[in-house]
């Protein structure tokens, strides 16, 4: 809603868990809202597993259209954070994280 009102400009969405379907579920939601161009960063594949299996994530990915189905080929979240933060003016980025903080810890 904030993006729709022009109050924020979403730069990226970072997946903080090693979920095989997580990036696909994020892509489904982005696709639904017409935001396929917003990049998705994924947790470092060497990070410890920190998730429980949530069937709704697989259901979203499997039952709805989206251009991305898995984490394959997506940038590491830490690398994407560095690219976005490095290109931004000082104090122009706000980070909102829900749940675990794996990527921010690695950053």
PDB file of N, CA and C in Angstrom:
ATOM      1  N   UNK A   1       0.822  -1.192   0.000  1.00  0.00           N
ATOM      2  CA  UNK A   1       0.000   0.000   0.000  1.00  0.00           C
ATOM      3  C   UNK A   1       0.870   1.262   0.000  1.00  0.00           C
ATOM      4  N   UNK A   2       1.968   1.236   0.772  1.00  0.00           N
ATOM      5  CA  UNK A   2       2.855   2.400   0.806  1.00  0.00           C
ATOM      6  C   UNK A   2       3.479   2.658  -0.561  1.00  0.00           C
ATOM      7  N   UNK A   3       3.825   1.598  -1.254  1.00  0.00           N
ATOM      8  CA  UNK A   3       4.385   1.764  -2.599  1.00  0.00           C
ATOM      9  C   UNK A   3       3.315   2.302  -3.544  1.00  0.00           C
ATOM     10  N   UNK A   4       2.108   1.777  -3.454  1.00  0.00           N
ATOM     11  CA  UNK A   4       1.013   2.252  -4.309  1.00  0.00           C
ATOM     12  C   UNK A   4       0.754   3.738  -4.117  1.00  0.00           C
ATOM     13  N   UNK A   5       0.937   4.228  -2.888  1.00  0.00           N
ATOM     14  CA  UNK A   5       0.706   5.651  -2.595  1.00  0.00           C
ATOM     15  C   UNK A   5       1.942   6.504  -2.861  1.00  0.00           C
ATOM     16  N   UNK A   6       3.035   5.884  -3.306  1.00  0.00           N
ATOM     17  CA  UNK A   6       4.252   6.637  -3.588  1.00  0.00           C
ATOM     18  C   UNK A   6       5.021   7.056  -2.356  1.00  0.00           C
ATOM     19  N   UNK A   7       4.744   6.439  -1.212  1.00  0.00           N
ATOM     20  CA  UNK A   7       5.414   6.804   0.031  1.00  0.00           C
ATOM     21  C   UNK A   7       6.740   6.063   0.221  1.00  0.00           C
ATOM     22  N   UNK A   8       6.919   4.960  -0.475  1.00  0.00           N
ATOM     23  CA  UNK A   8       8.176   4.217  -0.437  1.00  0.00           C
ATOM     24  C   UNK A   8       8.478   3.721  -1.838  1.00  0.00           C
ATOM     25  N   UNK A   9       9.739   3.397  -2.064  1.00  0.00           N
ATOM     26  CA  UNK A   9      10.146   2.745  -3.302  1.00  0.00           C
ATOM     27  C   UNK A   9      10.845   1.457  -2.900  1.00  0.00           C
ATOM     28  N   UNK A  10      10.162   0.358  -3.050  1.00  0.00           N
ATOM     29  CA  UNK A  10      10.704  -0.935  -2.671  1.00  0.00           C
ATOM     30  C   UNK A  10      11.871  -1.281  -3.585  1.00  0.00           C
ATOM     31  N   UNK A  11      13.049  -1.495  -3.002  1.00  0.00           N
ATOM     32  CA  UNK A  11      14.267  -1.760  -3.773  1.00  0.00           C
ATOM     33  C   UNK A  11      14.505  -3.242  -3.993  1.00  0.00           C
ATOM     34  N   UNK A  12      14.133  -4.078  -3.032  1.00  0.00           N
ATOM     35  CA  UNK A  12      14.369  -5.524  -3.121  1.00  0.00           C
ATOM     36  C   UNK A  12      13.605  -6.215  -2.008  1.00  0.00           C
ATOM     37  N   UNK A  13      13.474  -7.511  -2.160  1.00  0.00           N
ATOM     38  CA  UNK A  13      12.916  -8.356  -1.105  1.00  0.00           C
ATOM     39  C   UNK A  13      13.934  -9.451  -0.861  1.00  0.00           C
ATOM     40  N   UNK A  14      14.290  -9.640   0.411  1.00  0.00           N
ATOM     41  CA  UNK A  14      15.297 -10.629   0.773  1.00  0.00           C
ATOM     42  C   UNK A  14      14.638 -11.800   1.486  1.00  0.00           C
ATOM     43  N   UNK A  15      14.987 -12.991   1.050  1.00  0.00           N
ATOM     44  CA  UNK A  15      14.515 -14.216   1.686  1.00  0.00           C
ATOM     45  C   UNK A  15      15.537 -14.608   2.743  1.00  0.00           C
ATOM     46  N   UNK A  16      15.102 -14.734   3.992  1.00  0.00           N
ATOM     47  CA  UNK A  16      16.004 -15.004   5.110  1.00  0.00           C
ATOM     48  C   UNK A  16      16.080 -16.472   5.499  1.00  0.00           C
ATOM     49  N   UNK A  17      15.448 -17.345   4.762  1.00  0.00           N
ATOM     50  CA  UNK A  17      15.470 -18.758   5.115  1.00  0.00           C
ATOM     51  C   UNK A  17      15.882 -19.597   3.908  1.00  0.00           C
ATOM     52  N   UNK A  18      16.418 -20.758   4.170  1.00  0.00           N
ATOM     53  CA  UNK A  18      16.791 -21.666   3.087  1.00  0.00           C
ATOM     54  C   UNK A  18      15.580 -22.521   2.719  1.00  0.00           C
ATOM     55  N   UNK A  19      14.581 -21.911   2.182  1.00  0.00           N
ATOM     56  CA  UNK A  19      13.362 -22.598   1.767  1.00  0.00           C
ATOM     57  C   UNK A  19      13.419 -22.827   0.264  1.00  0.00           C
ATOM     58  N   UNK A  20      13.195 -24.067  -0.163  1.00  0.00           N
ATOM     59  CA  UNK A  20      13.241 -24.352  -1.602  1.00  0.00           C
ATOM     60  C   UNK A  20      12.110 -23.669  -2.357  1.00  0.00           C
ATOM     61  N   UNK A  21      11.042 -23.318  -1.682  1.00  0.00           N
ATOM     62  CA  UNK A  21       9.894 -22.692  -2.341  1.00  0.00           C
ATOM     63  C   UNK A  21       9.749 -21.217  -1.987  1.00  0.00           C
ATOM     64  N   UNK A  22      10.551 -20.706  -1.057  1.00  0.00           N
ATOM     65  CA  UNK A  22      10.375 -19.343  -0.561  1.00  0.00           C
ATOM     66  C   UNK A  22      10.460 -18.270  -1.623  1.00  0.00           C
ATOM     67  N   UNK A  23      11.472 -18.338  -2.490  1.00  0.00           N
ATOM     68  CA  UNK A  23      11.611 -17.321  -3.532  1.00  0.00           C
ATOM     69  C   UNK A  23      10.437 -17.383  -4.503  1.00  0.00           C
ATOM     70  N   UNK A  24       9.954 -18.584  -4.789  1.00  0.00           N
ATOM     71  CA  UNK A  24       8.785 -18.731  -5.654  1.00  0.00           C
ATOM     72  C   UNK A  24       7.546 -18.108  -5.034  1.00  0.00           C
ATOM     73  N   UNK A  25       7.370 -18.283  -3.725  1.00  0.00           N
ATOM     74  CA  UNK A  25       6.215 -17.693  -3.030  1.00  0.00           C
ATOM     75  C   UNK A  25       6.307 -16.167  -3.042  1.00  0.00           C
ATOM     76  N   UNK A  26       7.494 -15.637  -2.824  1.00  0.00           N
ATOM     77  CA  UNK A  26       7.681 -14.184  -2.901  1.00  0.00           C
ATOM     78  C   UNK A  26       7.343 -13.694  -4.303  1.00  0.00           C
ATOM     79  N   UNK A  27       7.811 -14.416  -5.317  1.00  0.00           N
ATOM     80  CA  UNK A  27       7.545 -14.029  -6.695  1.00  0.00           C
ATOM     81  C   UNK A  27       6.048 -14.043  -7.009  1.00  0.00           C
ATOM     82  N   UNK A  28       5.332 -15.004  -6.462  1.00  0.00           N
ATOM     83  CA  UNK A  28       3.872 -15.048  -6.650  1.00  0.00           C
ATOM     84  C   UNK A  28       3.242 -13.762  -6.135  1.00  0.00           C
ATOM     85  N   UNK A  29       3.622 -13.349  -4.932  1.00  0.00           N
ATOM     86  CA  UNK A  29       3.034 -12.132  -4.349  1.00  0.00           C
ATOM     87  C   UNK A  29       3.443 -10.893  -5.143  1.00  0.00           C
ATOM     88  N   UNK A  30       4.692 -10.815  -5.550  1.00  0.00           N
ATOM     89  CA  UNK A  30       5.127  -9.680  -6.361  1.00  0.00           C
ATOM     90  C   UNK A  30       4.376  -9.653  -7.695  1.00  0.00           C
ATOM     91  N   UNK A  31       4.211 -10.811  -8.305  1.00  0.00           N
ATOM     92  CA  UNK A  31       3.499 -10.904  -9.581  1.00  0.00           C
ATOM     93  C   UNK A  31       2.056 -10.445  -9.424  1.00  0.00           C
ATOM     94  N   UNK A  32       1.418 -10.871  -8.366  1.00  0.00           N
ATOM     95  CA  UNK A  32       0.023 -10.491  -8.099  1.00  0.00           C
ATOM     96  C   UNK A  32      -0.116  -8.971  -8.042  1.00  0.00           C
ATOM     97  N   UNK A  33       0.862  -8.304  -7.424  1.00  0.00           N
ATOM     98  CA  UNK A  33       0.804  -6.852  -7.277  1.00  0.00           C
ATOM     99  C   UNK A  33       1.505  -6.102  -8.411  1.00  0.00           C
ATOM    100  N   UNK A  34       1.909  -6.820  -9.458  1.00  0.00           N
ATOM    101  CA  UNK A  34       2.512  -6.173 -10.618  1.00  0.00           C
ATOM    102  C   UNK A  34       3.909  -5.665 -10.385  1.00  0.00           C
ATOM    103  N   UNK A  35       4.674  -6.354  -9.538  1.00  0.00           N
ATOM    104  CA  UNK A  35       6.012  -5.888  -9.193  1.00  0.00           C
ATOM    105  C   UNK A  35       7.085  -6.927  -9.527  1.00  0.00           C
ATOM    106  N   UNK A  36       6.987  -7.525 -10.691  1.00  0.00           N
ATOM    107  CA  UNK A  36       7.945  -8.555 -11.083  1.00  0.00           C
ATOM    108  C   UNK A  36       9.369  -8.027 -11.189  1.00  0.00           C
ATOM    109  N   UNK A  37       9.544  -6.736 -11.369  1.00  0.00           N
ATOM    110  CA  UNK A  37      10.877  -6.175 -11.560  1.00  0.00           C
ATOM    111  C   UNK A  37      11.662  -5.939 -10.289  1.00  0.00           C
ATOM    112  N   UNK A  38      11.056  -6.134  -9.138  1.00  0.00           N
ATOM    113  CA  UNK A  38      11.771  -5.934  -7.875  1.00  0.00           C
ATOM    114  C   UNK A  38      12.602  -7.184  -7.594  1.00  0.00           C
ATOM    115  N   UNK A  39      13.923  -7.031  -7.444  1.00  0.00           N
ATOM    116  CA  UNK A  39      14.770  -8.207  -7.271  1.00  0.00           C
ATOM    117  C   UNK A  39      14.537  -8.924  -5.939  1.00  0.00           C
ATOM    118  N   UNK A  40      14.798 -10.221  -5.969  1.00  0.00           N
ATOM    119  CA  UNK A  40      14.717 -11.061  -4.774  1.00  0.00           C
ATOM    120  C   UNK A  40      16.131 -11.541  -4.468  1.00  0.00           C
ATOM    121  N   UNK A  41      16.548 -11.353  -3.224  1.00  0.00           N
ATOM    122  CA  UNK A  41      17.831 -11.880  -2.769  1.00  0.00           C
ATOM    123  C   UNK A  41      17.580 -13.083  -1.883  1.00  0.00           C
ATOM    124  N   UNK A  42      18.461 -14.057  -1.965  1.00  0.00           N
ATOM    125  CA  UNK A  42      18.275 -15.283  -1.183  1.00  0.00           C
ATOM    126  C   UNK A  42      19.410 -15.463  -0.185  1.00  0.00           C
ATOM    127  N   UNK A  43      19.078 -16.130   0.890  1.00  0.00           N
ATOM    128  CA  UNK A  43      20.051 -16.364   1.958  1.00  0.00           C
ATOM    129  C   UNK A  43      21.223 -17.180   1.414  1.00  0.00           C
ATOM    130  N   UNK A  44      22.378 -16.960   1.977  1.00  0.00           N
ATOM    131  CA  UNK A  44      23.583 -17.691   1.591  1.00  0.00           C
ATOM    132  C   UNK A  44      23.314 -19.193   1.715  1.00  0.00           C
ATOM    133  N   UNK A  45      23.591 -19.951   0.673  1.00  0.00           N
ATOM    134  CA  UNK A  45      23.299 -21.385   0.737  1.00  0.00           C
ATOM    135  C   UNK A  45      24.089 -22.118   1.814  1.00  0.00           C
ATOM    136  N   UNK A  46      25.152 -21.503   2.333  1.00  0.00           N
ATOM    137  CA  UNK A  46      25.925 -22.123   3.399  1.00  0.00           C
ATOM    138  C   UNK A  46      25.417 -21.759   4.793  1.00  0.00           C
ATOM    139  N   UNK A  47      24.403 -20.905   4.856  1.00  0.00           N
ATOM    140  CA  UNK A  47      23.843 -20.522   6.155  1.00  0.00           C
ATOM    141  C   UNK A  47      23.149 -21.723   6.786  1.00  0.00           C
ATOM    142  N   UNK A  48      23.153 -21.776   8.111  1.00  0.00           N
ATOM    143  CA  UNK A  48      22.465 -22.901   8.753  1.00  0.00           C
ATOM    144  C   UNK A  48      20.971 -22.867   8.452  1.00  0.00           C
ATOM    145  N   UNK A  49      20.385 -24.029   8.367  1.00  0.00           N
ATOM    146  CA  UNK A  49      18.950 -24.106   8.130  1.00  0.00           C
ATOM    147  C   UNK A  49      18.229 -23.535   9.337  1.00  0.00           C
ATOM    148  N   UNK A  50      17.272 -22.661   9.098  1.00  0.00           N
ATOM    149  CA  UNK A  50      16.575 -21.998  10.194  1.00  0.00           C
ATOM    150  C   UNK A  50      15.072 -21.956   9.949  1.00  0.00           C
ATOM    151  N   UNK A  51      14.550 -22.947   9.258  1.00  0.00           N
ATOM    152  CA  UNK A  51      13.125 -22.901   8.937  1.00  0.00           C
ATOM    153  C   UNK A  51      12.413 -24.174   9.336  1.00  0.00           C
ATOM    154  N   UNK A  52      11.141 -24.019   9.453  1.00  0.00           N
ATOM    155  CA  UNK A  52      10.240 -25.142   9.573  1.00  0.00           C
ATOM    156  C   UNK A  52       9.468 -25.190   8.269  1.00  0.00           C
ATOM    157  N   UNK A  53       8.973 -26.334   7.917  1.00  0.00           N
ATOM    158  CA  UNK A  53       8.229 -26.463   6.669  1.00  0.00           C
ATOM    159  C   UNK A  53       6.845 -25.835   6.825  1.00  0.00           C
ATOM    160  N   UNK A  54       6.528 -24.893   5.961  1.00  0.00           N
ATOM    161  CA  UNK A  54       5.218 -24.245   5.968  1.00  0.00           C
ATOM    162  C   UNK A  54       4.516 -24.568   4.658  1.00  0.00           C
ATOM    163  N   UNK A  55       3.449 -25.330   4.736  1.00  0.00           N
ATOM    164  CA  UNK A  55       2.774 -25.797   3.526  1.00  0.00           C
ATOM    165  C   UNK A  55       2.243 -24.653   2.671  1.00  0.00           C
ATOM    166  N   UNK A  56       1.872 -23.520   3.287  1.00  0.00           N
ATOM    167  CA  UNK A  56       1.324 -22.418   2.498  1.00  0.00           C
ATOM    168  C   UNK A  56       2.349 -21.835   1.535  1.00  0.00           C
ATOM    169  N   UNK A  57       3.638 -21.907   1.885  1.00  0.00           N
ATOM    170  CA  UNK A  57       4.687 -21.409   0.992  1.00  0.00           C
ATOM    171  C   UNK A  57       4.703 -22.250  -0.279  1.00  0.00           C
ATOM    172  N   UNK A  58       4.657 -23.558  -0.119  1.00  0.00           N
ATOM    173  CA  UNK A  58       4.643 -24.449  -1.282  1.00  0.00           C
ATOM    174  C   UNK A  58       3.339 -24.297  -2.058  1.00  0.00           C
ATOM    175  N   UNK A  59       2.249 -24.109  -1.348  1.00  0.00           N
ATOM    176  CA  UNK A  59       0.958 -23.947  -2.015  1.00  0.00           C
ATOM    177  C   UNK A  59       0.950 -22.676  -2.862  1.00  0.00           C
ATOM    178  N   UNK A  60       1.455 -21.573  -2.330  1.00  0.00           N
ATOM    179  CA  UNK A  60       1.549 -20.339  -3.121  1.00  0.00           C
ATOM    180  C   UNK A  60       2.366 -20.580  -4.377  1.00  0.00           C
ATOM    181  N   UNK A  61       3.570 -21.124  -4.206  1.00  0.00           N
ATOM    182  CA  UNK A  61       4.456 -21.340  -5.333  1.00  0.00           C
ATOM    183  C   UNK A  61       3.858 -22.286  -6.365  1.00  0.00           C
ATOM    184  N   UNK A  62       3.202 -23.335  -5.906  1.00  0.00           N
ATOM    185  CA  UNK A  62       2.700 -24.357  -6.818  1.00  0.00           C
ATOM    186  C   UNK A  62       1.376 -24.011  -7.486  1.00  0.00           C
ATOM    187  N   UNK A  63       0.555 -23.180  -6.835  1.00  0.00           N
ATOM    188  CA  UNK A  63      -0.805 -22.957  -7.320  1.00  0.00           C
ATOM    189  C   UNK A  63      -1.029 -21.629  -8.040  1.00  0.00           C
ATOM    190  N   UNK A  64      -0.029 -20.751  -8.063  1.00  0.00           N
ATOM    191  CA  UNK A  64      -0.203 -19.427  -8.660  1.00  0.00           C
ATOM    192  C   UNK A  64       0.914 -19.151  -9.646  1.00  0.00           C
ATOM    193  N   UNK A  65       0.622 -18.320 -10.635  1.00  0.00           N
ATOM    194  CA  UNK A  65       1.614 -17.959 -11.645  1.00  0.00           C
ATOM    195  C   UNK A  65       2.629 -16.969 -11.090  1.00  0.00           C
ATOM    196  N   UNK A  66       3.868 -17.134 -11.539  1.00  0.00           N
ATOM    197  CA  UNK A  66       4.941 -16.203 -11.192  1.00  0.00           C
ATOM    198  C   UNK A  66       6.142 -16.517 -12.065  1.00  0.00           C
ATOM    199  N   UNK A  67       6.963 -15.512 -12.351  1.00  0.00           N
ATOM    200  CA  UNK A  67       8.124 -15.755 -13.200  1.00  0.00           C
ATOM    201  C   UNK A  67       9.246 -16.528 -12.512  1.00  0.00           C
ATOM    202  N   UNK A  68       9.307 -16.503 -11.201  1.00  0.00           N
ATOM    203  CA  UNK A  68      10.368 -17.185 -10.459  1.00  0.00           C
ATOM    204  C   UNK A  68       9.743 -18.330  -9.673  1.00  0.00           C
ATOM    205  N   UNK A  69      10.342 -19.506  -9.771  1.00  0.00           N
ATOM    206  CA  UNK A  69       9.803 -20.682  -9.091  1.00  0.00           C
ATOM    207  C   UNK A  69      10.685 -21.162  -7.947  1.00  0.00           C
ATOM    208  N   UNK A  70      11.982 -20.801  -7.976  1.00  0.00           N
ATOM    209  CA  UNK A  70      12.908 -21.267  -6.943  1.00  0.00           C
ATOM    210  C   UNK A  70      14.019 -20.234  -6.757  1.00  0.00           C
ATOM    211  N   UNK A  71      14.927 -20.530  -5.854  1.00  0.00           N
ATOM    212  CA  UNK A  71      16.053 -19.633  -5.579  1.00  0.00           C
ATOM    213  C   UNK A  71      17.170 -19.745  -6.610  1.00  0.00           C
ATOM    214  N   UNK A  72      17.090 -20.727  -7.482  1.00  0.00           N
ATOM    215  CA  UNK A  72      18.153 -20.967  -8.461  1.00  0.00           C
ATOM    216  C   UNK A  72      18.401 -19.721  -9.307  1.00  0.00           C
ATOM    217  N   UNK A  73      19.644 -19.308  -9.366  1.00  0.00           N
ATOM    218  CA  UNK A  73      20.033 -18.180 -10.203  1.00  0.00           C
ATOM    219  C   UNK A  73      19.801 -16.805  -9.598  1.00  0.00           C
ATOM    220  N   UNK A  74      19.216 -16.744  -8.412  1.00  0.00           N
ATOM    221  CA  UNK A  74      18.975 -15.447  -7.778  1.00  0.00           C
ATOM    222  C   UNK A  74      20.217 -15.003  -7.009  1.00  0.00           C
ATOM    223  N   UNK A  75      20.403 -13.689  -6.857  1.00  0.00           N
ATOM    224  CA  UNK A  75      21.593 -13.206  -6.146  1.00  0.00           C
ATOM    225  C   UNK A  75      21.512 -13.501  -4.650  1.00  0.00           C
ATOM    226  N   UNK A  76      22.689 -13.643  -4.040  1.00  0.00           N
ATOM    227  CA  UNK A  76      22.739 -13.754  -2.583  1.00  0.00           C
ATOM    228  C   UNK A  76      22.231 -12.437  -1.998  1.00  0.00           C
ATOM    229  N   UNK A  77      21.448 -12.524  -0.948  1.00  0.00           N
ATOM    230  CA  UNK A  77      20.867 -11.328  -0.335  1.00  0.00           C
ATOM    231  C   UNK A  77      21.941 -10.353   0.122  1.00  0.00           C
ATOM    232  N   UNK A  78      23.023 -10.857   0.701  1.00  0.00           N
ATOM    233  CA  UNK A  78      24.091  -9.975   1.171  1.00  0.00           C
ATOM    234  C   UNK A  78      24.679  -9.188  -0.001  1.00  0.00           C
ATOM    235  N   UNK A  79      24.877  -9.835  -1.132  1.00  0.00           N
ATOM    236  CA  UNK A  79      25.403  -9.142  -2.314  1.00  0.00           C
ATOM    237  C   UNK A  79      24.417  -8.100  -2.826  1.00  0.00           C
ATOM    238  N   UNK A  80      23.135  -8.444  -2.822  1.00  0.00           N
ATOM    239  CA  UNK A  80      22.103  -7.501  -3.270  1.00  0.00           C
ATOM    240  C   UNK A  80      22.000  -6.324  -2.312  1.00  0.00           C
ATOM    241  N   UNK A  81      22.041  -6.589  -1.005  1.00  0.00           N
ATOM    242  CA  UNK A  81      22.066  -5.498  -0.018  1.00  0.00           C
ATOM    243  C   UNK A  81      23.234  -4.561  -0.310  1.00  0.00           C
ATOM    244  N   UNK A  82      24.413  -5.125  -0.500  1.00  0.00           N
ATOM    245  CA  UNK A  82      25.610  -4.293  -0.723  1.00  0.00           C
ATOM    246  C   UNK A  82      25.472  -3.452  -1.979  1.00  0.00           C
ATOM    247  N   UNK A  83      24.929  -4.037  -3.047  1.00  0.00           N
ATOM    248  CA  UNK A  83      24.756  -3.292  -4.290  1.00  0.00           C
ATOM    249  C   UNK A  83      23.772  -2.133  -4.102  1.00  0.00           C
ATOM    250  N   UNK A  84      22.643  -2.409  -3.463  1.00  0.00           N
ATOM    251  CA  UNK A  84      21.622  -1.370  -3.268  1.00  0.00           C
ATOM    252  C   UNK A  84      22.109  -0.291  -2.321  1.00  0.00           C
ATOM    253  N   UNK A  85      22.681  -0.704  -1.193  1.00  0.00           N
ATOM    254  CA  UNK A  85      23.156   0.278  -0.216  1.00  0.00           C
ATOM    255  C   UNK A  85      24.328   1.093  -0.769  1.00  0.00           C
ATOM    256  N   UNK A  86      25.194   0.458  -1.532  1.00  0.00           N
ATOM    257  CA  UNK A  86      26.339   1.162  -2.102  1.00  0.00           C
ATOM    258  C   UNK A  86      25.946   2.215  -3.125  1.00  0.00           C
ATOM    259  N   UNK A  87      24.821   2.008  -3.807  1.00  0.00           N
ATOM    260  CA  UNK A  87      24.368   2.950  -4.830  1.00  0.00           C
ATOM    261  C   UNK A  87      23.461   4.043  -4.268  1.00  0.00           C
ATOM    262  N   UNK A  88      23.041   3.893  -3.019  1.00  0.00           N
ATOM    263  CA  UNK A  88      22.068   4.824  -2.435  1.00  0.00           C
ATOM    264  C   UNK A  88      22.763   5.982  -1.717  1.00  0.00           C
ATOM    265  N   UNK A  89      22.054   7.087  -1.648  1.00  0.00           N
ATOM    266  CA  UNK A  89      22.523   8.210  -0.842  1.00  0.00           C
ATOM    267  C   UNK A  89      22.501   7.808   0.631  1.00  0.00           C
ATOM    268  N   UNK A  90      23.387   8.413   1.424  1.00  0.00           N
ATOM    269  CA  UNK A  90      23.414   8.138   2.856  1.00  0.00           C
ATOM    270  C   UNK A  90      22.041   8.394   3.481  1.00  0.00           C
ATOM    271  N   UNK A  91      21.636   7.512   4.356  1.00  0.00           N
ATOM    272  CA  UNK A  91      20.399   7.625   5.140  1.00  0.00           C
ATOM    273  C   UNK A  91      19.140   7.652   4.279  1.00  0.00           C
ATOM    274  N   UNK A  92      19.211   7.131   3.051  1.00  0.00           N
ATOM    275  CA  UNK A  92      18.040   7.140   2.169  1.00  0.00           C
ATOM    276  C   UNK A  92      17.328   5.791   2.127  1.00  0.00           C
ATOM    277  N   UNK A  93      17.880   4.784   2.785  1.00  0.00           N
ATOM    278  CA  UNK A  93      17.314   3.435   2.757  1.00  0.00           C
ATOM    279  C   UNK A  93      16.859   3.051   4.157  1.00  0.00           C
ATOM    280  N   UNK A  94      15.666   2.520   4.245  1.00  0.00           N
ATOM    281  CA  UNK A  94      15.162   1.920   5.486  1.00  0.00           C
ATOM    282  C   UNK A  94      14.987   0.434   5.225  1.00  0.00           C
ATOM    283  N   UNK A  95      15.453  -0.386   6.160  1.00  0.00           N
ATOM    284  CA  UNK A  95      15.328  -1.833   6.018  1.00  0.00           C
ATOM    285  C   UNK A  95      14.274  -2.321   6.998  1.00  0.00           C
ATOM    286  N   UNK A  96      13.337  -3.089   6.480  1.00  0.00           N
ATOM    287  CA  UNK A  96      12.320  -3.711   7.307  1.00  0.00           C
ATOM    288  C   UNK A  96      12.515  -5.214   7.220  1.00  0.00           C
ATOM    289  N   UNK A  97      12.678  -5.875   8.358  1.00  0.00           N
ATOM    290  CA  UNK A  97      12.876  -7.314   8.363  1.00  0.00           C
ATOM    291  C   UNK A  97      11.856  -7.956   9.288  1.00  0.00           C
ATOM    292  N   UNK A  98      11.221  -9.002   8.799  1.00  0.00           N
ATOM    293  CA  UNK A  98      10.232  -9.740   9.577  1.00  0.00           C
ATOM    294  C   UNK A  98      10.782 -11.136   9.805  1.00  0.00           C
ATOM    295  N   UNK A  99      10.774 -11.579  11.034  1.00  0.00           N
ATOM    296  CA  UNK A  99      11.250 -12.926  11.323  1.00  0.00           C
ATOM    297  C   UNK A  99      12.735 -12.954  11.607  1.00  0.00           C
ATOM    298  N   UNK A 100      13.397 -13.964  11.091  1.00  0.00           N
ATOM    299  CA  UNK A 100      14.819 -14.142  11.369  1.00  0.00           C
ATOM    300  C   UNK A 100      15.645 -13.070  10.667  1.00  0.00           C
ATOM    301  N   UNK A 101      16.848 -12.840  11.167  1.00  0.00           N
ATOM    302  CA  UNK A 101      17.695 -11.758  10.664  1.00  0.00           C
ATOM    303  C   UNK A 101      18.984 -12.286  10.034  1.00  0.00           C
ATOM    304  N   UNK A 102      18.922 -13.439   9.423  1.00  0.00           N
ATOM    305  CA  UNK A 102      20.100 -14.109   8.866  1.00  0.00           C
ATOM    306  C   UNK A 102      20.871 -13.198   7.920  1.00  0.00           C
ATOM    307  N   UNK A 103      20.217 -12.588   6.960  1.00  0.00           N
ATOM    308  CA  UNK A 103      20.922 -11.763   5.976  1.00  0.00           C
ATOM    309  C   UNK A 103      21.533 -10.525   6.601  1.00  0.00           C
ATOM    310  N   UNK A 104      20.827  -9.900   7.532  1.00  0.00           N
ATOM    311  CA  UNK A 104      21.384  -8.718   8.190  1.00  0.00           C
ATOM    312  C   UNK A 104      22.577  -9.101   9.053  1.00  0.00           C
ATOM    313  N   UNK A 105      22.514 -10.261   9.687  1.00  0.00           N
ATOM    314  CA  UNK A 105      23.655 -10.732  10.469  1.00  0.00           C
ATOM    315  C   UNK A 105      24.876 -10.915   9.557  1.00  0.00           C
ATOM    316  N   UNK A 106      24.674 -11.491   8.383  1.00  0.00           N
ATOM    317  CA  UNK A 106      25.772 -11.727   7.450  1.00  0.00           C
ATOM    318  C   UNK A 106      26.268 -10.423   6.816  1.00  0.00           C
ATOM    319  N   UNK A 107      25.382  -9.457   6.681  1.00  0.00           N
ATOM    320  CA  UNK A 107      25.761  -8.164   6.115  1.00  0.00           C
ATOM    321  C   UNK A 107      26.727  -7.457   7.046  1.00  0.00           C
TER     322      UNK A 107
END
